[in-house]
Amino acid sequence: MTPFGARLRDLRAARGQSLKQMAEALGVSAAYLSALEHGKRGQPTWILLQRIITHFNIIWDEAEDLQRLAALSDPRVVVDTAGLSPQATEFANRLAHDIADIPEAEIEAMLARLKAIGGE
């Protein structure tokens, strides 16, 4: 599941909507919406994201947060290390290879460090 998928599921559950009801309101199939929630589909299109924001009547910071999560939720990431150090290339490749074996606490620590570096 992606960060966006988890948030979408939380929004839907908080409003007591079934997957089918929400899919119908957004004009997509329930199968597509389920795949989006489970991270089996890439990022939603900008138009679909705007429909979701409108559907849930989300404004300001919450809408920006949902858009940020969508941008960070592509389950098939490509990392371009061209022009970076050999260590950066090794890190990216090892992460791609070993991510399933990294304990959740370690992932959280690395994510916190990246957020600190990026000023997020």
PDB file of N, CA and C in Angstrom:
ATOM      1  N   MET A   1       0.846  -1.178   0.000  1.00  0.00           N
ATOM      2  CA  MET A   1       0.000   0.000   0.000  1.00  0.00           C
ATOM      3  C   MET A   1       0.894   1.245   0.000  1.00  0.00           C
ATOM      4  N   THR A   2       0.488   2.247  -0.713  1.00  0.00           N
ATOM      5  CA  THR A   2       1.244   3.497  -0.783  1.00  0.00           C
ATOM      6  C   THR A   2       0.720   4.477   0.268  1.00  0.00           C
ATOM      7  N   PRO A   3       1.493   5.523   0.561  1.00  0.00           N
ATOM      8  CA  PRO A   3       0.988   6.547   1.489  1.00  0.00           C
ATOM      9  C   PRO A   3      -0.327   7.157   1.001  1.00  0.00           C
ATOM     10  N   PHE A   4      -0.436   7.401  -0.301  1.00  0.00           N
ATOM     11  CA  PHE A   4      -1.664   7.949  -0.854  1.00  0.00           C
ATOM     12  C   PHE A   4      -2.812   6.949  -0.710  1.00  0.00           C
ATOM     13  N   GLY A   5      -2.559   5.690  -1.018  1.00  0.00           N
ATOM     14  CA  GLY A   5      -3.592   4.662  -0.904  1.00  0.00           C
ATOM     15  C   GLY A   5      -4.109   4.527   0.519  1.00  0.00           C
ATOM     16  N   ALA A   6      -3.199   4.571   1.486  1.00  0.00           N
ATOM     17  CA  ALA A   6      -3.602   4.482   2.885  1.00  0.00           C
ATOM     18  C   ALA A   6      -4.464   5.679   3.285  1.00  0.00           C
ATOM     19  N   ARG A   7      -4.068   6.866   2.841  1.00  0.00           N
ATOM     20  CA  ARG A   7      -4.842   8.067   3.179  1.00  0.00           C
ATOM     21  C   ARG A   7      -6.213   8.040   2.499  1.00  0.00           C
ATOM     22  N   LEU A   8      -6.249   7.594   1.257  1.00  0.00           N
ATOM     23  CA  LEU A   8      -7.510   7.498   0.534  1.00  0.00           C
ATOM     24  C   LEU A   8      -8.455   6.530   1.238  1.00  0.00           C
ATOM     25  N   ARG A   9      -7.942   5.404   1.661  1.00  0.00           N
ATOM     26  CA  ARG A   9      -8.757   4.427   2.374  1.00  0.00           C
ATOM     27  C   ARG A   9      -9.273   5.010   3.693  1.00  0.00           C
ATOM     28  N   ASP A  10      -8.405   5.742   4.404  1.00  0.00           N
ATOM     29  CA  ASP A  10      -8.813   6.378   5.665  1.00  0.00           C
ATOM     30  C   ASP A  10      -9.928   7.397   5.434  1.00  0.00           C
ATOM     31  N   LEU A  11      -9.791   8.204   4.384  1.00  0.00           N
ATOM     32  CA  LEU A  11     -10.821   9.200   4.068  1.00  0.00           C
ATOM     33  C   LEU A  11     -12.162   8.519   3.767  1.00  0.00           C
ATOM     34  N   ARG A  12     -12.092   7.472   2.982  1.00  0.00           N
ATOM     35  CA  ARG A  12     -13.307   6.746   2.598  1.00  0.00           C
ATOM     36  C   ARG A  12     -13.963   6.107   3.820  1.00  0.00           C
ATOM     37  N   ALA A  13     -13.161   5.486   4.660  1.00  0.00           N
ATOM     38  CA  ALA A  13     -13.693   4.827   5.860  1.00  0.00           C
ATOM     39  C   ALA A  13     -14.286   5.839   6.836  1.00  0.00           C
ATOM     40  N   ALA A  14     -13.610   6.977   6.990  1.00  0.00           N
ATOM     41  CA  ALA A  14     -14.090   8.009   7.919  1.00  0.00           C
ATOM     42  C   ALA A  14     -15.450   8.552   7.505  1.00  0.00           C
ATOM     43  N   ARG A  15     -15.740   8.488   6.217  1.00  0.00           N
ATOM     44  CA  ARG A  15     -17.023   8.987   5.722  1.00  0.00           C
ATOM     45  C   ARG A  15     -18.028   7.871   5.475  1.00  0.00           C
ATOM     46  N   GLY A  16     -17.630   6.659   5.839  1.00  0.00           N
ATOM     47  CA  GLY A  16     -18.551   5.530   5.734  1.00  0.00           C
ATOM     48  C   GLY A  16     -18.936   5.155   4.325  1.00  0.00           C
ATOM     49  N   GLN A  17     -18.023   5.362   3.380  1.00  0.00           N
ATOM     50  CA  GLN A  17     -18.328   5.042   1.983  1.00  0.00           C
ATOM     51  C   GLN A  17     -17.719   3.703   1.600  1.00  0.00           C
ATOM     52  N   SER A  18     -18.471   2.944   0.837  1.00  0.00           N
ATOM     53  CA  SER A  18     -17.920   1.709   0.293  1.00  0.00           C
ATOM     54  C   SER A  18     -17.026   2.060  -0.895  1.00  0.00           C
ATOM     55  N   LEU A  19     -16.213   1.114  -1.253  1.00  0.00           N
ATOM     56  CA  LEU A  19     -15.353   1.286  -2.425  1.00  0.00           C
ATOM     57  C   LEU A  19     -16.207   1.541  -3.660  1.00  0.00           C
ATOM     58  N   LYS A  20     -17.286   0.790  -3.780  1.00  0.00           N
ATOM     59  CA  LYS A  20     -18.175   0.923  -4.937  1.00  0.00           C
ATOM     60  C   LYS A  20     -18.827   2.305  -4.985  1.00  0.00           C
ATOM     61  N   GLN A  21     -19.307   2.802  -3.849  1.00  0.00           N
ATOM     62  CA  GLN A  21     -19.941   4.120  -3.797  1.00  0.00           C
ATOM     63  C   GLN A  21     -18.959   5.218  -4.218  1.00  0.00           C
ATOM     64  N   MET A  22     -17.748   5.150  -3.682  1.00  0.00           N
ATOM     65  CA  MET A  22     -16.768   6.177  -4.007  1.00  0.00           C
ATOM     66  C   MET A  22     -16.361   6.099  -5.476  1.00  0.00           C
ATOM     67  N   ALA A  23     -16.151   4.896  -5.967  1.00  0.00           N
ATOM     68  CA  ALA A  23     -15.758   4.727  -7.366  1.00  0.00           C
ATOM     69  C   ALA A  23     -16.826   5.296  -8.294  1.00  0.00           C
ATOM     70  N   GLU A  24     -18.066   5.019  -7.971  1.00  0.00           N
ATOM     71  CA  GLU A  24     -19.173   5.534  -8.773  1.00  0.00           C
ATOM     72  C   GLU A  24     -19.191   7.064  -8.768  1.00  0.00           C
ATOM     73  N   ALA A  25     -18.992   7.657  -7.600  1.00  0.00           N
ATOM     74  CA  ALA A  25     -19.005   9.118  -7.485  1.00  0.00           C
ATOM     75  C   ALA A  25     -17.850   9.757  -8.249  1.00  0.00           C
ATOM     76  N   LEU A  26     -16.716   9.041  -8.337  1.00  0.00           N
ATOM     77  CA  LEU A  26     -15.537   9.583  -9.028  1.00  0.00           C
ATOM     78  C   LEU A  26     -15.514   9.246 -10.518  1.00  0.00           C
ATOM     79  N   GLY A  27     -16.381   8.342 -10.946  1.00  0.00           N
ATOM     80  CA  GLY A  27     -16.415   7.963 -12.348  1.00  0.00           C
ATOM     81  C   GLY A  27     -15.309   7.002 -12.738  1.00  0.00           C
ATOM     82  N   VAL A  28     -14.900   6.153 -11.794  1.00  0.00           N
ATOM     83  CA  VAL A  28     -13.894   5.125 -12.077  1.00  0.00           C
ATOM     84  C   VAL A  28     -14.462   3.784 -11.622  1.00  0.00           C
ATOM     85  N   SER A  29     -13.810   2.709 -11.998  1.00  0.00           N
ATOM     86  CA  SER A  29     -14.286   1.397 -11.567  1.00  0.00           C
ATOM     87  C   SER A  29     -13.835   1.119 -10.135  1.00  0.00           C
ATOM     88  N   ALA A  30     -14.587   0.284  -9.451  1.00  0.00           N
ATOM     89  CA  ALA A  30     -14.214  -0.115  -8.093  1.00  0.00           C
ATOM     90  C   ALA A  30     -12.886  -0.872  -8.113  1.00  0.00           C
ATOM     91  N   ALA A  31     -12.640  -1.629  -9.177  1.00  0.00           N
ATOM     92  CA  ALA A  31     -11.387  -2.377  -9.301  1.00  0.00           C
ATOM     93  C   ALA A  31     -10.197  -1.425  -9.389  1.00  0.00           C
ATOM     94  N   TYR A  32     -10.358  -0.348 -10.171  1.00  0.00           N
ATOM     95  CA  TYR A  32      -9.282   0.632 -10.293  1.00  0.00           C
ATOM     96  C   TYR A  32      -9.035   1.314  -8.948  1.00  0.00           C
ATOM     97  N   LEU A  33     -10.103   1.717  -8.279  1.00  0.00           N
ATOM     98  CA  LEU A  33      -9.967   2.398  -7.001  1.00  0.00           C
ATOM     99  C   LEU A  33      -9.313   1.484  -5.969  1.00  0.00           C
ATOM    100  N   SER A  34      -9.688   0.216  -5.966  1.00  0.00           N
ATOM    101  CA  SER A  34      -9.071  -0.754  -5.064  1.00  0.00           C
ATOM    102  C   SER A  34      -7.574  -0.892  -5.357  1.00  0.00           C
ATOM    103  N   ALA A  35      -7.229  -0.974  -6.634  1.00  0.00           N
ATOM    104  CA  ALA A  35      -5.817  -1.076  -7.018  1.00  0.00           C
ATOM    105  C   ALA A  35      -5.048   0.173  -6.612  1.00  0.00           C
ATOM    106  N   LEU A  36      -5.674   1.330  -6.713  1.00  0.00           N
ATOM    107  CA  LEU A  36      -5.042   2.586  -6.307  1.00  0.00           C
ATOM    108  C   LEU A  36      -4.805   2.581  -4.798  1.00  0.00           C
ATOM    109  N   GLU A  37      -5.799   2.139  -4.039  1.00  0.00           N
ATOM    110  CA  GLU A  37      -5.650   2.071  -2.584  1.00  0.00           C
ATOM    111  C   GLU A  37      -4.566   1.084  -2.175  1.00  0.00           C
ATOM    112  N   HIS A  38      -4.466  -0.030  -2.879  1.00  0.00           N
ATOM    113  CA  HIS A  38      -3.497  -1.067  -2.513  1.00  0.00           C
ATOM    114  C   HIS A  38      -2.106  -0.862  -3.115  1.00  0.00           C
ATOM    115  N   GLY A  39      -1.925   0.211  -3.873  1.00  0.00           N
ATOM    116  CA  GLY A  39      -0.606   0.490  -4.432  1.00  0.00           C
ATOM    117  C   GLY A  39      -0.263  -0.348  -5.645  1.00  0.00           C
ATOM    118  N   LYS A  40      -1.264  -0.892  -6.289  1.00  0.00           N
ATOM    119  CA  LYS A  40      -1.019  -1.689  -7.489  1.00  0.00           C
ATOM    120  C   LYS A  40      -1.151  -0.859  -8.753  1.00  0.00           C
ATOM    121  N   ARG A  41      -1.519   0.392  -8.587  1.00  0.00           N
ATOM    122  CA  ARG A  41      -1.572   1.350  -9.687  1.00  0.00           C
ATOM    123  C   ARG A  41      -0.669   2.508  -9.324  1.00  0.00           C
ATOM    124  N   GLY A  42      -0.186   3.186 -10.326  1.00  0.00           N
ATOM    125  CA  GLY A  42       0.689   4.331 -10.087  1.00  0.00           C
ATOM    126  C   GLY A  42      -0.070   5.508  -9.512  1.00  0.00           C
ATOM    127  N   GLN A  43       0.539   6.639  -9.614  1.00  0.00           N
ATOM    128  CA  GLN A  43      -0.079   7.852  -9.090  1.00  0.00           C
ATOM    129  C   GLN A  43      -1.378   8.146  -9.839  1.00  0.00           C
ATOM    130  N   PRO A  44      -2.352   8.713  -9.124  1.00  0.00           N
ATOM    131  CA  PRO A  44      -3.576   9.109  -9.829  1.00  0.00           C
ATOM    132  C   PRO A  44      -3.287  10.298 -10.742  1.00  0.00           C
ATOM    133  N   THR A  45      -4.081  10.446 -11.767  1.00  0.00           N
ATOM    134  CA  THR A  45      -3.919  11.605 -12.642  1.00  0.00           C
ATOM    135  C   THR A  45      -4.291  12.863 -11.853  1.00  0.00           C
ATOM    136  N   TRP A  46      -3.866  13.997 -12.355  1.00  0.00           N
ATOM    137  CA  TRP A  46      -4.185  15.271 -11.700  1.00  0.00           C
ATOM    138  C   TRP A  46      -5.699  15.462 -11.662  1.00  0.00           C
ATOM    139  N   ILE A  47      -6.364  15.095 -12.732  1.00  0.00           N
ATOM    140  CA  ILE A  47      -7.826  15.249 -12.797  1.00  0.00           C
ATOM    141  C   ILE A  47      -8.502  14.376 -11.749  1.00  0.00           C
ATOM    142  N   LEU A  48      -8.084  13.115 -11.620  1.00  0.00           N
ATOM    143  CA  LEU A  48      -8.681  12.241 -10.613  1.00  0.00           C
ATOM    144  C   LEU A  48      -8.385  12.763  -9.215  1.00  0.00           C
ATOM    145  N   LEU A  49      -7.197  13.232  -9.002  1.00  0.00           N
ATOM    146  CA  LEU A  49      -6.842  13.785  -7.690  1.00  0.00           C
ATOM    147  C   LEU A  49      -7.749  14.968  -7.346  1.00  0.00           C
ATOM    148  N   GLN A  50      -8.034  15.813  -8.326  1.00  0.00           N
ATOM    149  CA  GLN A  50      -8.928  16.945  -8.088  1.00  0.00           C
ATOM    150  C   GLN A  50     -10.360  16.469  -7.807  1.00  0.00           C
ATOM    151  N   ARG A  51     -10.779  15.405  -8.480  1.00  0.00           N
ATOM    152  CA  ARG A  51     -12.104  14.836  -8.208  1.00  0.00           C
ATOM    153  C   ARG A  51     -12.190  14.315  -6.767  1.00  0.00           C
ATOM    154  N   ILE A  52     -11.130  13.654  -6.335  1.00  0.00           N
ATOM    155  CA  ILE A  52     -11.090  13.119  -4.967  1.00  0.00           C
ATOM    156  C   ILE A  52     -11.154  14.255  -3.954  1.00  0.00           C
ATOM    157  N   ILE A  53     -10.374  15.301  -4.188  1.00  0.00           N
ATOM    158  CA  ILE A  53     -10.363  16.460  -3.292  1.00  0.00           C
ATOM    159  C   ILE A  53     -11.751  17.092  -3.226  1.00  0.00           C
ATOM    160  N   THR A  54     -12.386  17.220  -4.370  1.00  0.00           N
ATOM    161  CA  THR A  54     -13.740  17.793  -4.425  1.00  0.00           C
ATOM    162  C   THR A  54     -14.750  16.858  -3.762  1.00  0.00           C
ATOM    163  N   HIS A  55     -14.629  15.579  -4.044  1.00  0.00           N
ATOM    164  CA  HIS A  55     -15.563  14.591  -3.494  1.00  0.00           C
ATOM    165  C   HIS A  55     -15.575  14.628  -1.966  1.00  0.00           C
ATOM    166  N   PHE A  56     -14.398  14.751  -1.370  1.00  0.00           N
ATOM    167  CA  PHE A  56     -14.305  14.770   0.089  1.00  0.00           C
ATOM    168  C   PHE A  56     -14.369  16.183   0.663  1.00  0.00           C
ATOM    169  N   ASN A  57     -14.544  17.170  -0.224  1.00  0.00           N
ATOM    170  CA  ASN A  57     -14.613  18.570   0.209  1.00  0.00           C
ATOM    171  C   ASN A  57     -13.390  18.944   1.044  1.00  0.00           C
ATOM    172  N   ILE A  58     -12.227  18.564   0.526  1.00  0.00           N
ATOM    173  CA  ILE A  58     -10.961  18.831   1.211  1.00  0.00           C
ATOM    174  C   ILE A  58     -10.444  20.192   0.756  1.00  0.00           C
ATOM    175  N   ILE A  59      -9.961  20.971   1.693  1.00  0.00           N
ATOM    176  CA  ILE A  59      -9.443  22.294   1.349  1.00  0.00           C
ATOM    177  C   ILE A  59      -8.066  22.515   1.966  1.00  0.00           C
ATOM    178  N   TRP A  60      -7.411  23.513   1.478  1.00  0.00           N
ATOM    179  CA  TRP A  60      -6.139  24.050   1.962  1.00  0.00           C
ATOM    180  C   TRP A  60      -5.086  23.005   2.270  1.00  0.00           C
ATOM    181  N   ASP A  61      -4.639  22.972   3.520  1.00  0.00           N
ATOM    182  CA  ASP A  61      -3.513  22.124   3.898  1.00  0.00           C
ATOM    183  C   ASP A  61      -3.784  20.644   3.657  1.00  0.00           C
ATOM    184  N   GLU A  62      -5.005  20.220   3.909  1.00  0.00           N
ATOM    185  CA  GLU A  62      -5.335  18.810   3.713  1.00  0.00           C
ATOM    186  C   GLU A  62      -5.272  18.443   2.225  1.00  0.00           C
ATOM    187  N   ALA A  63      -5.705  19.351   1.368  1.00  0.00           N
ATOM    188  CA  ALA A  63      -5.621  19.105  -0.078  1.00  0.00           C
ATOM    189  C   ALA A  63      -4.166  19.070  -0.530  1.00  0.00           C
ATOM    190  N   GLU A  64      -3.363  19.987  -0.019  1.00  0.00           N
ATOM    191  CA  GLU A  64      -1.942  19.996  -0.369  1.00  0.00           C
ATOM    192  C   GLU A  64      -1.255  18.730   0.117  1.00  0.00           C
ATOM    193  N   ASP A  65      -1.627  18.275   1.306  1.00  0.00           N
ATOM    194  CA  ASP A  65      -1.040  17.059   1.851  1.00  0.00           C
ATOM    195  C   ASP A  65      -1.408  15.853   0.989  1.00  0.00           C
ATOM    196  N   LEU A  66      -2.657  15.783   0.543  1.00  0.00           N
ATOM    197  CA  LEU A  66      -3.076  14.681  -0.309  1.00  0.00           C
ATOM    198  C   LEU A  66      -2.322  14.704  -1.642  1.00  0.00           C
ATOM    199  N   GLN A  67      -2.119  15.888  -2.204  1.00  0.00           N
ATOM    200  CA  GLN A  67      -1.355  16.016  -3.443  1.00  0.00           C
ATOM    201  C   GLN A  67       0.101  15.608  -3.228  1.00  0.00           C
ATOM    202  N   ARG A  68       0.670  15.965  -2.081  1.00  0.00           N
ATOM    203  CA  ARG A  68       2.053  15.590  -1.762  1.00  0.00           C
ATOM    204  C   ARG A  68       2.159  14.076  -1.636  1.00  0.00           C
ATOM    205  N   LEU A  69       1.184  13.462  -0.954  1.00  0.00           N
ATOM    206  CA  LEU A  69       1.198  12.006  -0.813  1.00  0.00           C
ATOM    207  C   LEU A  69       1.081  11.315  -2.166  1.00  0.00           C
ATOM    208  N   ALA A  70       0.252  11.852  -3.043  1.00  0.00           N
ATOM    209  CA  ALA A  70       0.116  11.273  -4.380  1.00  0.00           C
ATOM    210  C   ALA A  70       1.448  11.325  -5.121  1.00  0.00           C
ATOM    211  N   ALA A  71       2.159  12.437  -4.990  1.00  0.00           N
ATOM    212  CA  ALA A  71       3.451  12.580  -5.672  1.00  0.00           C
ATOM    213  C   ALA A  71       4.493  11.612  -5.116  1.00  0.00           C
ATOM    214  N   LEU A  72       4.335  11.215  -3.860  1.00  0.00           N
ATOM    215  CA  LEU A  72       5.288  10.305  -3.217  1.00  0.00           C
ATOM    216  C   LEU A  72       4.835   8.846  -3.236  1.00  0.00           C
ATOM    217  N   SER A  73       3.840   8.534  -4.031  1.00  0.00           N
ATOM    218  CA  SER A  73       3.235   7.213  -3.938  1.00  0.00           C
ATOM    219  C   SER A  73       3.322   6.361  -5.188  1.00  0.00           C
ATOM    220  N   ASP A  74       4.256   6.620  -6.043  1.00  0.00           N
ATOM    221  CA  ASP A  74       4.413   5.743  -7.203  1.00  0.00           C
ATOM    222  C   ASP A  74       5.089   4.463  -6.718  1.00  0.00           C
ATOM    223  N   PRO A  75       4.426   3.308  -6.825  1.00  0.00           N
ATOM    224  CA  PRO A  75       5.015   2.074  -6.307  1.00  0.00           C
ATOM    225  C   PRO A  75       6.171   1.529  -7.153  1.00  0.00           C
ATOM    226  N   ARG A  76       6.387   2.102  -8.316  1.00  0.00           N
ATOM    227  CA  ARG A  76       7.469   1.645  -9.189  1.00  0.00           C
ATOM    228  C   ARG A  76       8.406   2.814  -9.459  1.00  0.00           C
ATOM    229  N   VAL A  77       9.356   2.982  -8.571  1.00  0.00           N
ATOM    230  CA  VAL A  77      10.235   4.139  -8.588  1.00  0.00           C
ATOM    231  C   VAL A  77      11.456   3.875  -9.466  1.00  0.00           C
ATOM    232  N   VAL A  78      11.870   4.894 -10.208  1.00  0.00           N
ATOM    233  CA  VAL A  78      13.106   4.852 -10.970  1.00  0.00           C
ATOM    234  C   VAL A  78      14.014   5.927 -10.395  1.00  0.00           C
ATOM    235  N   VAL A  79      15.229   5.536 -10.047  1.00  0.00           N
ATOM    236  CA  VAL A  79      16.178   6.482  -9.476  1.00  0.00           C
ATOM    237  C   VAL A  79      17.313   6.689 -10.475  1.00  0.00           C
ATOM    238  N   ASP A  80      17.477   7.914 -10.925  1.00  0.00           N
ATOM    239  CA  ASP A  80      18.540   8.253 -11.872  1.00  0.00           C
ATOM    240  C   ASP A  80      19.760   8.726 -11.083  1.00  0.00           C
ATOM    241  N   THR A  81      20.792   7.914 -11.061  1.00  0.00           N
ATOM    242  CA  THR A  81      22.008   8.284 -10.331  1.00  0.00           C
ATOM    243  C   THR A  81      23.128   8.735 -11.267  1.00  0.00           C
ATOM    244  N   ALA A  82      22.789   8.967 -12.523  1.00  0.00           N
ATOM    245  CA  ALA A  82      23.797   9.443 -13.476  1.00  0.00           C
ATOM    246  C   ALA A  82      24.410  10.742 -12.957  1.00  0.00           C
ATOM    247  N   GLY A  83      25.724  10.793 -12.935  1.00  0.00           N
ATOM    248  CA  GLY A  83      26.422  11.995 -12.486  1.00  0.00           C
ATOM    249  C   GLY A  83      26.631  12.051 -10.980  1.00  0.00           C
ATOM    250  N   LEU A  84      26.092  11.079 -10.244  1.00  0.00           N
ATOM    251  CA  LEU A  84      26.300  11.046  -8.801  1.00  0.00           C
ATOM    252  C   LEU A  84      27.473  10.127  -8.473  1.00  0.00           C
ATOM    253  N   SER A  85      27.829  10.079  -7.223  1.00  0.00           N
ATOM    254  CA  SER A  85      28.970   9.264  -6.794  1.00  0.00           C
ATOM    255  C   SER A  85      28.668   7.777  -6.944  1.00  0.00           C
ATOM    256  N   PRO A  86      29.733   6.966  -6.999  1.00  0.00           N
ATOM    257  CA  PRO A  86      29.525   5.514  -7.021  1.00  0.00           C
ATOM    258  C   PRO A  86      28.752   5.036  -5.783  1.00  0.00           C
ATOM    259  N   GLN A  87      28.974   5.694  -4.644  1.00  0.00           N
ATOM    260  CA  GLN A  87      28.278   5.316  -3.414  1.00  0.00           C
ATOM    261  C   GLN A  87      26.771   5.574  -3.541  1.00  0.00           C
ATOM    262  N   ALA A  88      26.405   6.680  -4.198  1.00  0.00           N
ATOM    263  CA  ALA A  88      24.991   6.982  -4.388  1.00  0.00           C
ATOM    264  C   ALA A  88      24.333   5.923  -5.277  1.00  0.00           C
ATOM    265  N   THR A  89      25.024   5.502  -6.318  1.00  0.00           N
ATOM    266  CA  THR A  89      24.497   4.464  -7.206  1.00  0.00           C
ATOM    267  C   THR A  89      24.372   3.140  -6.467  1.00  0.00           C
ATOM    268  N   GLU A  90      25.393   2.800  -5.683  1.00  0.00           N
ATOM    269  CA  GLU A  90      25.329   1.570  -4.900  1.00  0.00           C
ATOM    270  C   GLU A  90      24.174   1.623  -3.907  1.00  0.00           C
ATOM    271  N   PHE A  91      24.030   2.759  -3.224  1.00  0.00           N
ATOM    272  CA  PHE A  91      22.957   2.915  -2.242  1.00  0.00           C
ATOM    273  C   PHE A  91      21.589   2.711  -2.893  1.00  0.00           C
ATOM    274  N   ALA A  92      21.361   3.357  -4.033  1.00  0.00           N
ATOM    275  CA  ALA A  92      20.079   3.251  -4.724  1.00  0.00           C
ATOM    276  C   ALA A  92      19.802   1.808  -5.140  1.00  0.00           C
ATOM    277  N   ASN A  93      20.807   1.130  -5.673  1.00  0.00           N
ATOM    278  CA  ASN A  93      20.623  -0.253  -6.106  1.00  0.00           C
ATOM    279  C   ASN A  93      20.438  -1.213  -4.938  1.00  0.00           C
ATOM    280  N   ARG A  94      21.182  -1.012  -3.866  1.00  0.00           N
ATOM    281  CA  ARG A  94      21.029  -1.879  -2.691  1.00  0.00           C
ATOM    282  C   ARG A  94      19.669  -1.662  -2.050  1.00  0.00           C
ATOM    283  N   LEU A  95      19.229  -0.415  -2.004  1.00  0.00           N
ATOM    284  CA  LEU A  95      17.912  -0.131  -1.448  1.00  0.00           C
ATOM    285  C   LEU A  95      16.833  -0.830  -2.275  1.00  0.00           C
ATOM    286  N   ALA A  96      16.919  -0.717  -3.591  1.00  0.00           N
ATOM    287  CA  ALA A  96      15.939  -1.372  -4.463  1.00  0.00           C
ATOM    288  C   ALA A  96      15.946  -2.887  -4.257  1.00  0.00           C
ATOM    289  N   HIS A  97      17.099  -3.449  -4.088  1.00  0.00           N
ATOM    290  CA  HIS A  97      17.220  -4.896  -3.939  1.00  0.00           C
ATOM    291  C   HIS A  97      16.784  -5.383  -2.561  1.00  0.00           C
ATOM    292  N   ASP A  98      17.120  -4.623  -1.511  1.00  0.00           N
ATOM    293  CA  ASP A  98      16.958  -5.100  -0.140  1.00  0.00           C
ATOM    294  C   ASP A  98      15.807  -4.479   0.646  1.00  0.00           C
ATOM    295  N   ILE A  99      15.020  -3.607   0.038  1.00  0.00           N
ATOM    296  CA  ILE A  99      14.008  -2.873   0.797  1.00  0.00           C
ATOM    297  C   ILE A  99      13.019  -3.787   1.524  1.00  0.00           C
ATOM    298  N   ALA A 100      12.692  -4.923   0.949  1.00  0.00           N
ATOM    299  CA  ALA A 100      11.734  -5.838   1.593  1.00  0.00           C
ATOM    300  C   ALA A 100      12.285  -6.431   2.883  1.00  0.00           C
ATOM    301  N   ASP A 101      13.603  -6.424   3.045  1.00  0.00           N
ATOM    302  CA  ASP A 101      14.228  -7.020   4.225  1.00  0.00           C
ATOM    303  C   ASP A 101      14.601  -6.002   5.301  1.00  0.00           C
ATOM    304  N   ILE A 102      14.383  -4.726   5.027  1.00  0.00           N
ATOM    305  CA  ILE A 102      14.744  -3.694   5.999  1.00  0.00           C
ATOM    306  C   ILE A 102      13.625  -3.581   7.033  1.00  0.00           C
ATOM    307  N   PRO A 103      13.976  -3.665   8.317  1.00  0.00           N
ATOM    308  CA  PRO A 103      12.940  -3.540   9.360  1.00  0.00           C
ATOM    309  C   PRO A 103      12.239  -2.178   9.281  1.00  0.00           C
ATOM    310  N   GLU A 104      10.958  -2.183   9.613  1.00  0.00           N
ATOM    311  CA  GLU A 104      10.144  -0.961   9.528  1.00  0.00           C
ATOM    312  C   GLU A 104      10.753   0.184  10.335  1.00  0.00           C
ATOM    313  N   ALA A 105      11.313  -0.122  11.496  1.00  0.00           N
ATOM    314  CA  ALA A 105      11.929   0.929  12.327  1.00  0.00           C
ATOM    315  C   ALA A 105      13.101   1.583  11.599  1.00  0.00           C
ATOM    316  N   GLU A 106      13.855   0.801  10.867  1.00  0.00           N
ATOM    317  CA  GLU A 106      14.984   1.349  10.092  1.00  0.00           C
ATOM    318  C   GLU A 106      14.484   2.224   8.944  1.00  0.00           C
ATOM    319  N   ILE A 107      13.429   1.773   8.292  1.00  0.00           N
ATOM    320  CA  ILE A 107      12.845   2.564   7.204  1.00  0.00           C
ATOM    321  C   ILE A 107      12.357   3.899   7.750  1.00  0.00           C
ATOM    322  N   GLU A 108      11.683   3.872   8.895  1.00  0.00           N
ATOM    323  CA  GLU A 108      11.193   5.108   9.512  1.00  0.00           C
ATOM    324  C   GLU A 108      12.354   6.043   9.853  1.00  0.00           C
ATOM    325  N   ALA A 109      13.456   5.485  10.364  1.00  0.00           N
ATOM    326  CA  ALA A 109      14.618   6.305  10.709  1.00  0.00           C
ATOM    327  C   ALA A 109      15.240   6.931   9.458  1.00  0.00           C
ATOM    328  N   MET A 110      15.365   6.143   8.394  1.00  0.00           N
ATOM    329  CA  MET A 110      15.918   6.682   7.139  1.00  0.00           C
ATOM    330  C   MET A 110      14.995   7.744   6.556  1.00  0.00           C
ATOM    331  N   LEU A 111      13.694   7.507   6.616  1.00  0.00           N
ATOM    332  CA  LEU A 111      12.726   8.474   6.104  1.00  0.00           C
ATOM    333  C   LEU A 111      12.799   9.780   6.899  1.00  0.00           C
ATOM    334  N   ALA A 112      12.917   9.683   8.209  1.00  0.00           N
ATOM    335  CA  ALA A 112      13.045  10.884   9.053  1.00  0.00           C
ATOM    336  C   ALA A 112      14.307  11.655   8.684  1.00  0.00           C
ATOM    337  N   ARG A 113      15.389  10.946   8.435  1.00  0.00           N
ATOM    338  CA  ARG A 113      16.658  11.591   8.052  1.00  0.00           C
ATOM    339  C   ARG A 113      16.504  12.294   6.700  1.00  0.00           C
ATOM    340  N   LEU A 114      15.855  11.641   5.729  1.00  0.00           N
ATOM    341  CA  LEU A 114      15.638  12.260   4.421  1.00  0.00           C
ATOM    342  C   LEU A 114      14.758  13.506   4.531  1.00  0.00           C
ATOM    343  N   LYS A 115      13.738  13.431   5.377  1.00  0.00           N
ATOM    344  CA  LYS A 115      12.875  14.603   5.581  1.00  0.00           C
ATOM    345  C   LYS A 115      13.659  15.758   6.192  1.00  0.00           C
ATOM    346  N   ALA A 116      14.568  15.428   7.113  1.00  0.00           N
ATOM    347  CA  ALA A 116      15.397  16.468   7.743  1.00  0.00           C
ATOM    348  C   ALA A 116      16.342  17.114   6.730  1.00  0.00           C
ATOM    349  N   ILE A 117      16.887  16.309   5.852  1.00  0.00           N
ATOM    350  CA  ILE A 117      17.791  16.825   4.823  1.00  0.00           C
ATOM    351  C   ILE A 117      17.036  17.693   3.831  1.00  0.00           C
ATOM    352  N   GLY A 118      15.836  17.241   3.449  1.00  0.00           N
ATOM    353  CA  GLY A 118      15.042  17.937   2.456  1.00  0.00           C
ATOM    354  C   GLY A 118      14.254  19.119   3.009  1.00  0.00           C
ATOM    355  N   GLY A 119      14.293  19.322   4.313  1.00  0.00           N
ATOM    356  CA  GLY A 119      13.581  20.431   4.918  1.00  0.00           C
ATOM    357  C   GLY A 119      12.073  20.244   4.963  1.00  0.00           C
ATOM    358  N   GLU A 120      11.638  19.013   4.867  1.00  0.00           N
ATOM    359  CA  GLU A 120      10.192  18.732   4.873  1.00  0.00           C
ATOM    360  C   GLU A 120       9.685  18.502   6.270  1.00  0.00           C
TER     361      GLU A 120
END
